[in-house]
C-alpha atoms as a PDB file:
ATOM      1  CA  MET A   1     -97.179 -23.818 -17.053  1.00  0.00           C
ATOM      2  CA  ALA A   2     -99.419 -20.835 -16.336  1.00  0.00           C
ATOM      3  CA  ASN A   3    -100.230 -22.104 -12.846  1.00  0.00           C
ATOM      4  CA  ASP A   4     -96.504 -22.281 -12.109  1.00  0.00           C
ATOM      5  CA  SER A   5     -95.869 -18.651 -12.980  1.00  0.00           C
ATOM      6  CA  PHE A   6     -94.189 -16.402 -10.444  1.00  0.00           C
ATOM      7  CA  ALA A   7     -93.059 -12.796 -10.089  1.00  0.00           C
ATOM      8  CA  ALA A   8     -89.411 -11.828 -10.432  1.00  0.00           C
ATOM      9  CA  LEU A   9     -87.439  -8.612 -10.317  1.00  0.00           C
ATOM     10  CA  MET A  10     -85.590  -8.332 -13.600  1.00  0.00           C
ATOM     11  CA  LEU A  11     -82.676  -6.062 -14.445  1.00  0.00           C
ATOM     12  CA  ARG A  12     -81.863  -5.458 -18.102  1.00  0.00           C
ATOM     13  CA  LYS A  13     -79.112  -3.469 -19.791  1.00  0.00           C
ATOM     14  CA  ASP A  14     -78.666  -3.067 -23.525  1.00  0.00           C
ATOM     15  CA  ASP A  15     -78.389  -0.341 -26.159  1.00  0.00           C
ATOM     16  CA  ALA A  16     -81.559   1.217 -24.706  1.00  0.00           C
ATOM     17  CA  GLY A  17     -79.870   1.552 -21.311  1.00  0.00           C
ATOM     18  CA  PHE A  18     -80.630   0.143 -17.855  1.00  0.00           C
ATOM     19  CA  ARG A  19     -84.151  -0.977 -16.969  1.00  0.00           C
ATOM     20  CA  ALA A  20     -85.574  -2.620 -13.874  1.00  0.00           C
ATOM     21  CA  GLY A  21     -89.047  -3.990 -13.274  1.00  0.00           C
ATOM     22  CA  ILE A  22     -91.203  -6.896 -12.150  1.00  0.00           C
ATOM     23  CA  GLU A  23     -91.836  -9.619 -14.723  1.00  0.00           C
ATOM     24  CA  THR A  24     -93.856 -12.834 -14.684  1.00  0.00           C
ATOM     25  CA  LEU A  25     -91.796 -15.953 -15.350  1.00  0.00           C
ATOM     26  CA  THR A  26     -92.387 -19.699 -15.507  1.00  0.00           C
ATOM     27  CA  PRO A  27     -89.935 -22.431 -14.408  1.00  0.00           C
ATOM     28  CA  SER A  28     -89.029 -23.080 -18.044  1.00  0.00           C
ATOM     29  CA  GLN A  29     -87.526 -19.576 -18.223  1.00  0.00           C
ATOM     30  CA  LEU A  30     -85.141 -20.215 -15.328  1.00  0.00           C
ATOM     31  CA  PRO A  31     -81.600 -21.371 -16.057  1.00  0.00           C
ATOM     32  CA  PRO A  32     -81.543 -25.138 -16.716  1.00  0.00           C
ATOM     33  CA  LEU A  33     -81.010 -27.380 -13.697  1.00  0.00           C
ATOM     34  CA  ALA A  34     -77.421 -28.576 -14.058  1.00  0.00           C
ATOM     35  CA  GLU A  35     -75.757 -31.339 -12.070  1.00  0.00           C
ATOM     36  CA  GLY A  36     -75.386 -30.086  -8.491  1.00  0.00           C
ATOM     37  CA  ASP A  37     -78.168 -27.500  -8.795  1.00  0.00           C
ATOM     38  CA  VAL A  38     -81.378 -27.169  -6.797  1.00  0.00           C
ATOM     39  CA  ARG A  39     -84.624 -25.430  -7.788  1.00  0.00           C
ATOM     40  CA  VAL A  40     -86.177 -23.615  -4.852  1.00  0.00           C
ATOM     41  CA  ALA A  41     -89.494 -21.933  -4.083  1.00  0.00           C
ATOM     42  CA  VAL A  42     -88.298 -18.687  -2.503  1.00  0.00           C
ATOM     43  CA  GLU A  43     -90.461 -17.437   0.359  1.00  0.00           C
ATOM     44  CA  TYR A  44     -88.329 -14.512   1.526  1.00  0.00           C
ATOM     45  CA  SER A  45     -85.310 -12.635   0.262  1.00  0.00           C
ATOM     46  CA  THR A  46     -83.642  -9.483   1.559  1.00  0.00           C
ATOM     47  CA  LEU A  47     -81.832  -6.325   0.492  1.00  0.00           C
ATOM     48  CA  ASN A  48     -78.097  -6.226   1.099  1.00  0.00           C
ATOM     49  CA  TYR A  49     -75.550  -3.632  -0.001  1.00  0.00           C
ATOM     50  CA  LYS A  50     -74.792  -5.575  -3.201  1.00  0.00           C
ATOM     51  CA  ASP A  51     -78.499  -5.763  -3.992  1.00  0.00           C
ATOM     52  CA  GLY A  52     -78.740  -2.009  -3.516  1.00  0.00           C
ATOM     53  CA  LEU A  53     -75.893  -1.468  -5.969  1.00  0.00           C
ATOM     54  CA  ALA A  54     -77.498  -3.786  -8.511  1.00  0.00           C
ATOM     55  CA  LEU A  55     -81.047  -2.407  -8.257  1.00  0.00           C
ATOM     56  CA  THR A  56     -79.871   1.207  -8.514  1.00  0.00           C
ATOM     57  CA  ASN A  57     -77.245   0.450 -11.197  1.00  0.00           C
ATOM     58  CA  ARG A  58     -74.575   2.167  -9.087  1.00  0.00           C
ATOM     59  CA  GLY A  59     -71.855  -0.426  -9.179  1.00  0.00           C
ATOM     60  CA  PRO A  60     -70.491  -3.260 -11.366  1.00  0.00           C
ATOM     61  CA  VAL A  61     -72.226  -6.003  -9.370  1.00  0.00           C
ATOM     62  CA  VAL A  62     -74.159  -7.588 -12.231  1.00  0.00           C
ATOM     63  CA  ARG A  63     -71.866  -9.455 -14.638  1.00  0.00           C
ATOM     64  CA  ILE A  64     -74.419 -10.963 -17.034  1.00  0.00           C
ATOM     65  CA  TRP A  65     -77.653  -9.557 -18.447  1.00  0.00           C
ATOM     66  CA  PRO A  66     -80.539  -9.884 -17.987  1.00  0.00           C
ATOM     67  CA  MET A  67     -80.298 -10.575 -14.248  1.00  0.00           C
ATOM     68  CA  VAL A  68     -82.661 -11.480 -11.439  1.00  0.00           C
ATOM     69  CA  PRO A  69     -80.978  -9.852  -8.420  1.00  0.00           C
ATOM     70  CA  GLY A  70     -81.057 -11.039  -4.822  1.00  0.00           C
ATOM     71  CA  ILE A  71     -77.969 -12.602  -3.269  1.00  0.00           C
ATOM     72  CA  ASP A  72     -79.955 -14.189  -0.395  1.00  0.00           C
ATOM     73  CA  GLY A  73     -83.005 -16.400  -0.234  1.00  0.00           C
ATOM     74  CA  ALA A  74     -84.848 -18.845   2.022  1.00  0.00           C
ATOM     75  CA  GLY A  75     -87.503 -21.354   1.088  1.00  0.00           C
ATOM     76  CA  THR A  76     -88.248 -24.940   0.089  1.00  0.00           C
ATOM     77  CA  VAL A  77     -86.560 -27.277  -2.385  1.00  0.00           C
ATOM     78  CA  LEU A  78     -88.790 -28.149  -5.333  1.00  0.00           C
ATOM     79  CA  GLU A  79     -86.345 -30.199  -7.405  1.00  0.00           C
ATOM     80  CA  SER A  80     -82.765 -31.309  -6.807  1.00  0.00           C
ATOM     81  CA  ARG A  81     -79.787 -32.608  -8.754  1.00  0.00           C
ATOM     82  CA  HIS A  82     -77.545 -32.446  -5.679  1.00  0.00           C
ATOM     83  CA  PRO A  83     -77.172 -35.510  -3.418  1.00  0.00           C
ATOM     84  CA  ALA A  84     -77.545 -33.523  -0.191  1.00  0.00           C
ATOM     85  CA  TRP A  85     -80.962 -32.079  -1.050  1.00  0.00           C
ATOM     86  CA  LYS A  86     -84.412 -33.427  -1.850  1.00  0.00           C
ATOM     87  CA  ALA A  87     -87.826 -31.906  -2.523  1.00  0.00           C
ATOM     88  CA  GLY A  88     -89.351 -30.495   0.653  1.00  0.00           C
ATOM     89  CA  ASP A  89     -86.055 -29.581   2.350  1.00  0.00           C
ATOM     90  CA  ARG A  90     -85.961 -26.104   3.933  1.00  0.00           C
ATOM     91  CA  ILE A  91     -82.911 -24.058   2.966  1.00  0.00           C
ATOM     92  CA  VAL A  92     -81.041 -20.789   3.404  1.00  0.00           C
ATOM     93  CA  HIS A  93     -78.858 -19.332   0.677  1.00  0.00           C
ATOM     94  CA  THR A  94     -76.338 -16.485   0.923  1.00  0.00           C
ATOM     95  CA  GLY A  95     -73.677 -15.257  -1.489  1.00  0.00           C
ATOM     96  CA  TRP A  96     -71.872 -17.495  -3.982  1.00  0.00           C
ATOM     97  CA  SER A  97     -72.150 -14.913  -6.786  1.00  0.00           C
ATOM     98  CA  VAL A  98     -75.930 -15.410  -7.036  1.00  0.00           C
ATOM     99  CA  GLY A  99     -77.456 -12.141  -8.234  1.00  0.00           C
ATOM    100  CA  GLU A 100     -74.121 -11.361  -9.905  1.00  0.00           C
ATOM    101  CA  THR A 101     -73.205 -14.129 -12.353  1.00  0.00           C
ATOM    102  CA  ARG A 102     -76.331 -16.288 -12.004  1.00  0.00           C
ATOM    103  CA  TRP A 103     -79.968 -15.416 -11.377  1.00  0.00           C
ATOM    104  CA  GLY A 104     -80.837 -14.644  -7.778  1.00  0.00           C
ATOM    105  CA  CYS A 105     -83.570 -14.850  -5.175  1.00  0.00           C
ATOM    106  CA  LEU A 106     -85.738 -11.744  -5.651  1.00  0.00           C
ATOM    107  CA  ALA A 107     -88.171 -14.032  -7.443  1.00  0.00           C
ATOM    108  CA  GLY A 108     -90.706 -16.724  -6.619  1.00  0.00           C
ATOM    109  CA  GLN A 109     -88.310 -19.453  -7.743  1.00  0.00           C
ATOM    110  CA  ALA A 110     -84.555 -19.735  -8.183  1.00  0.00           C
ATOM    111  CA  VAL A 111     -82.036 -22.295  -9.401  1.00  0.00           C
ATOM    112  CA  LEU A 112     -79.201 -22.326  -6.866  1.00  0.00           C
ATOM    113  CA  PRO A 113     -75.952 -24.244  -6.402  1.00  0.00           C
ATOM    114  CA  GLY A 114     -76.647 -27.067  -3.967  1.00  0.00           C
ATOM    115  CA  ALA A 115     -73.156 -26.773  -2.481  1.00  0.00           C
ATOM    116  CA  ALA A 116     -73.976 -23.232  -1.338  1.00  0.00           C
ATOM    117  CA  LEU A 117     -77.102 -24.100   0.626  1.00  0.00           C
ATOM    118  CA  VAL A 118     -77.412 -24.423   4.384  1.00  0.00           C
ATOM    119  CA  ARG A 119     -80.243 -26.312   6.043  1.00  0.00           C
ATOM    120  CA  LEU A 120     -82.656 -23.859   7.680  1.00  0.00           C
ATOM    121  CA  PRO A 121     -82.026 -24.064  11.451  1.00  0.00           C
ATOM    122  CA  ALA A 122     -85.088 -25.305  13.340  1.00  0.00           C
ATOM    123  CA  ALA A 123     -84.911 -22.162  15.479  1.00  0.00           C
ATOM    124  CA  PHE A 124     -85.700 -19.902  12.509  1.00  0.00           C
ATOM    125  CA  THR A 125     -88.534 -19.323  10.097  1.00  0.00           C
ATOM    126  CA  THR A 126     -87.596 -18.417   6.524  1.00  0.00           C
ATOM    127  CA  ARG A 127     -88.523 -14.820   7.348  1.00  0.00           C
ATOM    128  CA  GLN A 128     -86.162 -14.760  10.326  1.00  0.00           C
ATOM    129  CA  ALA A 129     -83.400 -16.318   8.247  1.00  0.00           C
ATOM    130  CA  MET A 130     -83.699 -13.469   5.760  1.00  0.00           C
ATOM    131  CA  ALA A 131     -83.898 -10.896   8.548  1.00  0.00           C
ATOM    132  CA  ILE A 132     -80.399 -12.214   9.273  1.00  0.00           C
ATOM    133  CA  GLY A 133     -79.254 -12.744   5.672  1.00  0.00           C
ATOM    134  CA  THR A 134     -75.724 -12.070   4.481  1.00  0.00           C
ATOM    135  CA  ALA A 135     -75.427  -9.082   6.817  1.00  0.00           C
ATOM    136  CA  GLY A 136     -76.210 -10.970  10.004  1.00  0.00           C
ATOM    137  CA  TYR A 137     -74.286 -14.043   8.892  1.00  0.00           C
ATOM    138  CA  THR A 138     -71.256 -11.808   8.227  1.00  0.00           C
ATOM    139  CA  ALA A 139     -71.651 -10.295  11.696  1.00  0.00           C
ATOM    140  CA  MET A 140     -71.579 -13.791  13.187  1.00  0.00           C
ATOM    141  CA  LEU A 141     -68.476 -14.720  11.186  1.00  0.00           C
ATOM    142  CA  SER A 142     -66.862 -11.600  12.667  1.00  0.00           C
ATOM    143  CA  VAL A 143     -67.805 -12.604  16.212  1.00  0.00           C
ATOM    144  CA  LEU A 144     -66.393 -16.084  15.577  1.00  0.00           C
ATOM    145  CA  ALA A 145     -63.125 -14.504  14.406  1.00  0.00           C
ATOM    146  CA  LEU A 146     -62.848 -12.516  17.654  1.00  0.00           C
ATOM    147  CA  GLU A 147     -63.445 -15.672  19.680  1.00  0.00           C
ATOM    148  CA  GLN A 148     -60.943 -17.677  17.657  1.00  0.00           C
ATOM    149  CA  HIS A 149     -58.318 -15.058  18.456  1.00  0.00           C
ATOM    150  CA  GLY A 150     -59.044 -15.365  22.156  1.00  0.00           C
ATOM    151  CA  VAL A 151     -61.164 -12.264  22.777  1.00  0.00           C
ATOM    152  CA  ALA A 152     -63.412 -12.728  25.823  1.00  0.00           C
ATOM    153  CA  PRO A 153     -65.831 -10.302  27.529  1.00  0.00           C
ATOM    154  CA  ALA A 154     -63.326  -9.617  30.318  1.00  0.00           C
ATOM    155  CA  ALA A 155     -60.823  -8.256  27.761  1.00  0.00           C
ATOM    156  CA  GLY A 156     -62.552  -4.854  27.537  1.00  0.00           C
ATOM    157  CA  GLU A 157     -64.690  -2.780  25.223  1.00  0.00           C
ATOM    158  CA  VAL A 158     -65.615  -3.931  21.727  1.00  0.00           C
ATOM    159  CA  LEU A 159     -66.234  -1.284  19.059  1.00  0.00           C
ATOM    160  CA  VAL A 160     -68.833  -1.906  16.358  1.00  0.00           C
ATOM    161  CA  THR A 161     -68.741   0.576  13.475  1.00  0.00           C
ATOM    162  CA  GLY A 162     -71.657   1.196  11.111  1.00  0.00           C
ATOM    163  CA  ALA A 163     -73.691   0.010  14.067  1.00  0.00           C
ATOM    164  CA  SER A 164     -77.184   0.949  12.872  1.00  0.00           C
ATOM    165  CA  GLY A 165     -76.774  -0.981   9.603  1.00  0.00           C
ATOM    166  CA  GLY A 166     -77.512  -4.657   9.050  1.00  0.00           C
ATOM    167  CA  VAL A 167     -74.096  -6.053   9.981  1.00  0.00           C
ATOM    168  CA  GLY A 168     -73.697  -3.645  12.871  1.00  0.00           C
ATOM    169  CA  SER A 169     -77.141  -4.242  14.354  1.00  0.00           C
ATOM    170  CA  VAL A 170     -76.678  -8.013  14.500  1.00  0.00           C
ATOM    171  CA  ALA A 171     -73.103  -7.660  15.783  1.00  0.00           C
ATOM    172  CA  VAL A 172     -74.235  -5.386  18.636  1.00  0.00           C
ATOM    173  CA  ALA A 173     -77.061  -7.756  19.613  1.00  0.00           C
ATOM    174  CA  VAL A 174     -74.920 -10.904  19.536  1.00  0.00           C
ATOM    175  CA  LEU A 175     -71.931  -9.394  21.343  1.00  0.00           C
ATOM    176  CA  ALA A 176     -74.144  -7.948  24.079  1.00  0.00           C
ATOM    177  CA  ARG A 177     -75.875 -11.290  24.614  1.00  0.00           C
ATOM    178  CA  LEU A 178     -72.441 -12.932  24.948  1.00  0.00           C
ATOM    179  CA  GLY A 179     -71.583 -10.495  27.732  1.00  0.00           C
ATOM    180  CA  PHE A 180     -69.349  -7.999  25.916  1.00  0.00           C
ATOM    181  CA  ARG A 181     -69.376  -4.283  26.643  1.00  0.00           C
ATOM    182  CA  VAL A 182     -70.265  -2.884  23.218  1.00  0.00           C
ATOM    183  CA  VAL A 183     -69.585   0.648  21.991  1.00  0.00           C
ATOM    184  CA  ALA A 184     -71.632   1.440  18.884  1.00  0.00           C
ATOM    185  CA  SER A 185     -70.345   3.954  16.328  1.00  0.00           C
ATOM    186  CA  THR A 186     -72.958   5.466  14.014  1.00  0.00           C
ATOM    187  CA  GLY A 187     -73.634   8.473  11.837  1.00  0.00           C
ATOM    188  CA  LYS A 188     -77.247   8.390  13.029  1.00  0.00           C
ATOM    189  CA  LEU A 189     -77.098   9.512  16.643  1.00  0.00           C
ATOM    190  CA  ALA A 190     -80.907   9.653  16.631  1.00  0.00           C
ATOM    191  CA  GLU A 191     -80.722   5.844  16.623  1.00  0.00           C
ATOM    192  CA  GLY A 192     -79.047   5.832  20.029  1.00  0.00           C
ATOM    193  CA  ASP A 193     -82.092   4.367  21.795  1.00  0.00           C
ATOM    194  CA  TYR A 194     -82.368   1.657  19.141  1.00  0.00           C
ATOM    195  CA  LEU A 195     -78.708   0.673  19.598  1.00  0.00           C
ATOM    196  CA  ARG A 196     -78.964   0.672  23.382  1.00  0.00           C
ATOM    197  CA  HIS A 197     -82.060  -1.524  23.047  1.00  0.00           C
ATOM    198  CA  LEU A 198     -79.928  -3.981  21.066  1.00  0.00           C
ATOM    199  CA  GLY A 199     -77.382  -4.006  23.887  1.00  0.00           C
ATOM    200  CA  ALA A 200     -74.887  -1.189  23.265  1.00  0.00           C
ATOM    201  CA  THR A 201     -73.574   0.350  26.485  1.00  0.00           C
ATOM    202  CA  GLU A 202     -72.371   3.504  24.713  1.00  0.00           C
ATOM    203  CA  VAL A 203     -73.106   5.187  21.381  1.00  0.00           C
ATOM    204  CA  ILE A 204     -70.512   7.442  19.713  1.00  0.00           C
ATOM    205  CA  ASP A 205     -70.549   9.638  16.615  1.00  0.00           C
ATOM    206  CA  ARG A 206     -68.825   8.082  13.603  1.00  0.00           C
ATOM    207  CA  ALA A 207     -67.145  11.467  13.022  1.00  0.00           C
ATOM    208  CA  ALA A 208     -64.784  10.594  15.850  1.00  0.00           C
ATOM    209  CA  LEU A 209     -63.340   7.808  13.682  1.00  0.00           C
ATOM    210  CA  SER A 210     -63.965   8.804  10.065  1.00  0.00           C
ATOM    211  CA  ALA A 211     -61.318  11.537   9.591  1.00  0.00           C
ATOM    212  CA  PRO A 212     -57.594  10.932   9.006  1.00  0.00           C
ATOM    213  CA  GLY A 213     -55.843  10.140  12.292  1.00  0.00           C
ATOM    214  CA  LYS A 214     -52.438   9.382  13.761  1.00  0.00           C
ATOM    215  CA  PRO A 215     -50.861   5.955  13.099  1.00  0.00           C
ATOM    216  CA  MET A 216     -50.848   5.204  16.843  1.00  0.00           C
ATOM    217  CA  GLN A 217     -53.536   6.561  19.171  1.00  0.00           C
ATOM    218  CA  LYS A 218     -54.639   6.049  22.751  1.00  0.00           C
ATOM    219  CA  GLU A 219     -55.444   2.406  23.409  1.00  0.00           C
ATOM    220  CA  ARG A 220     -59.123   1.643  23.961  1.00  0.00           C
ATOM    221  CA  TRP A 221     -60.621  -1.301  22.064  1.00  0.00           C
ATOM    222  CA  ALA A 222     -60.055  -4.923  23.019  1.00  0.00           C
ATOM    223  CA  ALA A 223     -61.677  -5.794  19.703  1.00  0.00           C
ATOM    224  CA  VAL A 224     -63.452  -4.184  16.765  1.00  0.00           C
ATOM    225  CA  ILE A 225     -66.014  -5.308  14.192  1.00  0.00           C
ATOM    226  CA  ASP A 226     -65.744  -2.864  11.297  1.00  0.00           C
ATOM    227  CA  SER A 227     -68.068  -2.729   8.296  1.00  0.00           C
ATOM    228  CA  VAL A 228     -66.884   0.718   7.167  1.00  0.00           C
ATOM    229  CA  GLY A 229     -63.256   0.508   6.010  1.00  0.00           C
ATOM    230  CA  SER A 230     -61.083   3.485   4.981  1.00  0.00           C
ATOM    231  CA  HIS A 231     -60.105   5.963   7.736  1.00  0.00           C
ATOM    232  CA  THR A 232     -62.556   4.402  10.175  1.00  0.00           C
ATOM    233  CA  LEU A 233     -60.781   1.054   9.989  1.00  0.00           C
ATOM    234  CA  ALA A 234     -57.357   2.730  10.178  1.00  0.00           C
ATOM    235  CA  ASN A 235     -58.350   4.643  13.323  1.00  0.00           C
ATOM    236  CA  ALA A 236     -59.893   1.556  14.883  1.00  0.00           C
ATOM    237  CA  CYS A 237     -56.594  -0.296  14.424  1.00  0.00           C
ATOM    238  CA  ALA A 238     -54.662   2.687  15.798  1.00  0.00           C
ATOM    239  CA  GLN A 239     -56.868   2.672  18.930  1.00  0.00           C
ATOM    240  CA  ALA A 240     -56.816  -1.098  19.494  1.00  0.00           C
ATOM    241  CA  ARG A 241     -55.322  -2.235  22.765  1.00  0.00           C
ATOM    242  CA  TYR A 242     -52.224  -4.412  23.019  1.00  0.00           C
ATOM    243  CA  GLY A 243     -53.102  -7.804  21.487  1.00  0.00           C
ATOM    244  CA  GLY A 244     -56.421  -6.475  20.211  1.00  0.00           C
ATOM    245  CA  VAL A 245     -58.297  -8.016  17.291  1.00  0.00           C
ATOM    246  CA  VAL A 246     -59.971  -6.065  14.485  1.00  0.00           C
ATOM    247  CA  ALA A 247     -62.398  -7.931  12.200  1.00  0.00           C
ATOM    248  CA  ALA A 248     -62.795  -6.101   8.865  1.00  0.00           C
ATOM    249  CA  CYS A 249     -65.935  -7.072   6.948  1.00  0.00           C
ATOM    250  CA  GLY A 250     -67.097  -4.056   4.929  1.00  0.00           C
ATOM    251  CA  LEU A 251     -66.264  -0.898   3.009  1.00  0.00           C
ATOM    252  CA  ALA A 252     -69.145   1.531   3.485  1.00  0.00           C
ATOM    253  CA  GLN A 253     -66.714   4.464   3.775  1.00  0.00           C
ATOM    254  CA  GLY A 254     -64.280   3.148   1.185  1.00  0.00           C
ATOM    255  CA  MET A 255     -62.062   0.316   0.039  1.00  0.00           C
ATOM    256  CA  ASP A 256     -58.849   2.164   0.905  1.00  0.00           C
ATOM    257  CA  PHE A 257     -56.922   1.486   4.105  1.00  0.00           C
ATOM    258  CA  PRO A 258     -54.790   4.581   4.876  1.00  0.00           C
ATOM    259  CA  ALA A 259     -52.971   3.060   7.838  1.00  0.00           C
ATOM    260  CA  SER A 260     -49.552   2.229   9.268  1.00  0.00           C
ATOM    261  CA  VAL A 261     -48.024  -1.092  10.268  1.00  0.00           C
ATOM    262  CA  ALA A 262     -47.339   0.438  13.702  1.00  0.00           C
ATOM    263  CA  PRO A 263     -50.337  -1.065  15.574  1.00  0.00           C
ATOM    264  CA  PHE A 264     -49.502  -4.523  14.252  1.00  0.00           C
ATOM    265  CA  ILE A 265     -45.802  -4.570  15.073  1.00  0.00           C
ATOM    266  CA  LEU A 266     -45.795  -2.398  18.225  1.00  0.00           C
ATOM    267  CA  ARG A 267     -49.015  -3.584  19.909  1.00  0.00           C
ATOM    268  CA  GLY A 268     -49.458  -7.007  18.355  1.00  0.00           C
ATOM    269  CA  VAL A 269     -52.840  -6.062  16.915  1.00  0.00           C
ATOM    270  CA  THR A 270     -54.453  -8.640  14.622  1.00  0.00           C
ATOM    271  CA  LEU A 271     -56.410  -7.578  11.530  1.00  0.00           C
ATOM    272  CA  ALA A 272     -58.770 -10.409  10.596  1.00  0.00           C
ATOM    273  CA  GLY A 273     -60.407 -10.299   7.185  1.00  0.00           C
ATOM    274  CA  ILE A 274     -63.987 -11.600   7.039  1.00  0.00           C
ATOM    275  CA  GLU A 275     -65.095 -13.140   3.735  1.00  0.00           C
ATOM    276  CA  SER A 276     -68.689 -14.370   3.598  1.00  0.00           C
ATOM    277  CA  VAL A 277     -69.452 -14.934  -0.079  1.00  0.00           C
ATOM    278  CA  MET A 278     -67.516 -18.178  -0.666  1.00  0.00           C
ATOM    279  CA  ALA A 279     -66.946 -19.344   2.928  1.00  0.00           C
ATOM    280  CA  PRO A 280     -66.640 -23.138   3.218  1.00  0.00           C
ATOM    281  CA  LEU A 281     -69.791 -25.041   4.191  1.00  0.00           C
ATOM    282  CA  PRO A 282     -68.611 -26.063   7.702  1.00  0.00           C
ATOM    283  CA  ARG A 283     -67.968 -22.417   8.535  1.00  0.00           C
ATOM    284  CA  ARG A 284     -71.378 -21.411   7.185  1.00  0.00           C
ATOM    285  CA  GLN A 285     -73.058 -24.117   9.224  1.00  0.00           C
ATOM    286  CA  MET A 286     -71.222 -23.065  12.377  1.00  0.00           C
ATOM    287  CA  ALA A 287     -72.261 -19.429  11.896  1.00  0.00           C
ATOM    288  CA  TRP A 288     -75.930 -20.358  11.477  1.00  0.00           C
ATOM    289  CA  GLN A 289     -75.821 -22.682  14.487  1.00  0.00           C
ATOM    290  CA  ARG A 290     -74.376 -19.888  16.596  1.00  0.00           C
ATOM    291  CA  LEU A 291     -76.945 -17.386  15.319  1.00  0.00           C
ATOM    292  CA  ALA A 292     -79.678 -19.800  16.388  1.00  0.00           C
ATOM    293  CA  ARG A 293     -78.124 -19.878  19.866  1.00  0.00           C
ATOM    294  CA  ASP A 294     -76.835 -16.339  20.372  1.00  0.00           C
ATOM    295  CA  LEU A 295     -79.243 -13.993  18.562  1.00  0.00           C
ATOM    296  CA  ASP A 296     -82.358 -13.004  20.500  1.00  0.00           C
ATOM    297  CA  PRO A 297     -85.373 -13.460  18.156  1.00  0.00           C
ATOM    298  CA  GLY A 298     -87.102 -10.482  19.774  1.00  0.00           C
ATOM    299  CA  LEU A 299     -84.164  -8.205  19.042  1.00  0.00           C
ATOM    300  CA  LEU A 300     -83.998  -9.579  15.507  1.00  0.00           C
ATOM    301  CA  GLU A 301     -87.634  -8.600  14.983  1.00  0.00           C
ATOM    302  CA  SER A 302     -86.976  -5.104  16.348  1.00  0.00           C
ATOM    303  CA  MET A 303     -84.310  -4.497  13.694  1.00  0.00           C
ATOM    304  CA  THR A 304     -86.409  -5.873  10.804  1.00  0.00           C
ATOM    305  CA  GLN A 305     -88.670  -4.185   8.255  1.00  0.00           C
ATOM    306  CA  GLU A 306     -90.753  -6.265   5.830  1.00  0.00           C
ATOM    307  CA  ILE A 307     -91.614  -5.111   2.317  1.00  0.00           C
ATOM    308  CA  GLY A 308     -93.168  -6.580  -0.806  1.00  0.00           C
ATOM    309  CA  LEU A 309     -91.354  -7.254  -4.045  1.00  0.00           C
ATOM    310  CA  SER A 310     -92.710  -4.089  -5.669  1.00  0.00           C
ATOM    311  CA  GLU A 311     -91.189  -1.930  -2.917  1.00  0.00           C
ATOM    312  CA  ALA A 312     -87.672  -3.232  -3.408  1.00  0.00           C
ATOM    313  CA  PHE A 313     -86.616  -0.558  -5.912  1.00  0.00           C
ATOM    314  CA  ALA A 314     -87.459   2.397  -3.656  1.00  0.00           C
ATOM    315  CA  ARG A 315     -85.968   0.751  -0.568  1.00  0.00           C
ATOM    316  CA  ALA A 316     -82.793  -0.108  -2.467  1.00  0.00           C
ATOM    317  CA  ALA A 317     -82.335   3.589  -3.207  1.00  0.00           C
ATOM    318  CA  ASP A 318     -82.900   4.368   0.478  1.00  0.00           C
ATOM    319  CA  LEU A 319     -80.316   1.746   1.401  1.00  0.00           C
ATOM    320  CA  MET A 320     -77.700   3.339  -0.835  1.00  0.00           C
ATOM    321  CA  GLU A 321     -78.449   6.762   0.671  1.00  0.00           C
ATOM    322  CA  GLY A 322     -77.967   5.524   4.230  1.00  0.00           C
ATOM    323  CA  LYS A 323     -81.644   5.848   5.129  1.00  0.00           C
ATOM    324  CA  VAL A 324     -82.173   2.258   6.257  1.00  0.00           C
ATOM    325  CA  ARG A 325     -81.878   1.030   9.836  1.00  0.00           C
ATOM    326  CA  GLY A 326     -81.240  -2.627  10.515  1.00  0.00           C
ATOM    327  CA  ARG A 327     -82.525  -5.210   8.062  1.00  0.00           C
ATOM    328  CA  ILE A 328     -85.083  -5.337   5.234  1.00  0.00           C
ATOM    329  CA  VAL A 329     -86.786  -8.607   4.384  1.00  0.00           C
ATOM    330  CA  VAL A 330     -88.630  -8.994   1.085  1.00  0.00           C
ATOM    331  CA  LYS A 331     -91.704 -11.205   1.077  1.00  0.00           C
ATOM    332  CA  ILE A 332     -91.908 -12.979  -2.254  1.00  0.00           C
END
């Protein structure tokens, strides 16, 4: 089995406290392949907000110990006990409690639930798929929600909050390519050129939205994609135009929602919740198909940084401190 060994990030917590490091594993040390499972050679993973929480031990993400983190992965099927998958198939995985209640993808191999996998679109390499990852896939789900509620480019400005982050960067790029006028809200005004390069027509300071505000404010946004939550989400709803749609997909500022029902019952605003972790397979497939069509590969590359497995700990800390722009892919 020595030739089959691979590197894995391993998180441990016991009476000695929390420890994180790189360990060498063999396939026999992975969880057993149950009915419906698939064993995958992981080529690339990524760092998402949940991964940052897990690697820095800042939140109750990990539910069992020890844990291989990494909620996303892309690679090739080695062995399958699921009827939809066979050895050699190219796959993308996001979410489904991997890296939380079962070992994840920041490792050379992973045992994943076959029902959670999506076939790698021909338009993408495994690296590009992880440059998208949960963040970009969530952004696409948010765009789909706006479309399903009838929002079209002619409706007016679309606000994207947390715009320099992973979700925000992909949302700005996709919306701009679809013809929307995108206003990007960020706490990093130095990233203005980056956001305009992605397609934003205007960049505003997040401070304009992050403080407590009135229940009803001047109408501006035809739609909003918000990855921030708390007062930012409340203000975005209060500023939505009549019939506007707000897609809520994150909580970077907080999980609270200090708002009023006024925008919903006086302006007919719709608040659409975006859930990416357990989304049904047809919805996942649709999102990836649309990403293949509507996300410029050149812009994707411009928002992507690649690191090695050993760099993941330091970059996870940077992610939690708001020092990361766009997306981080981890080469396994």
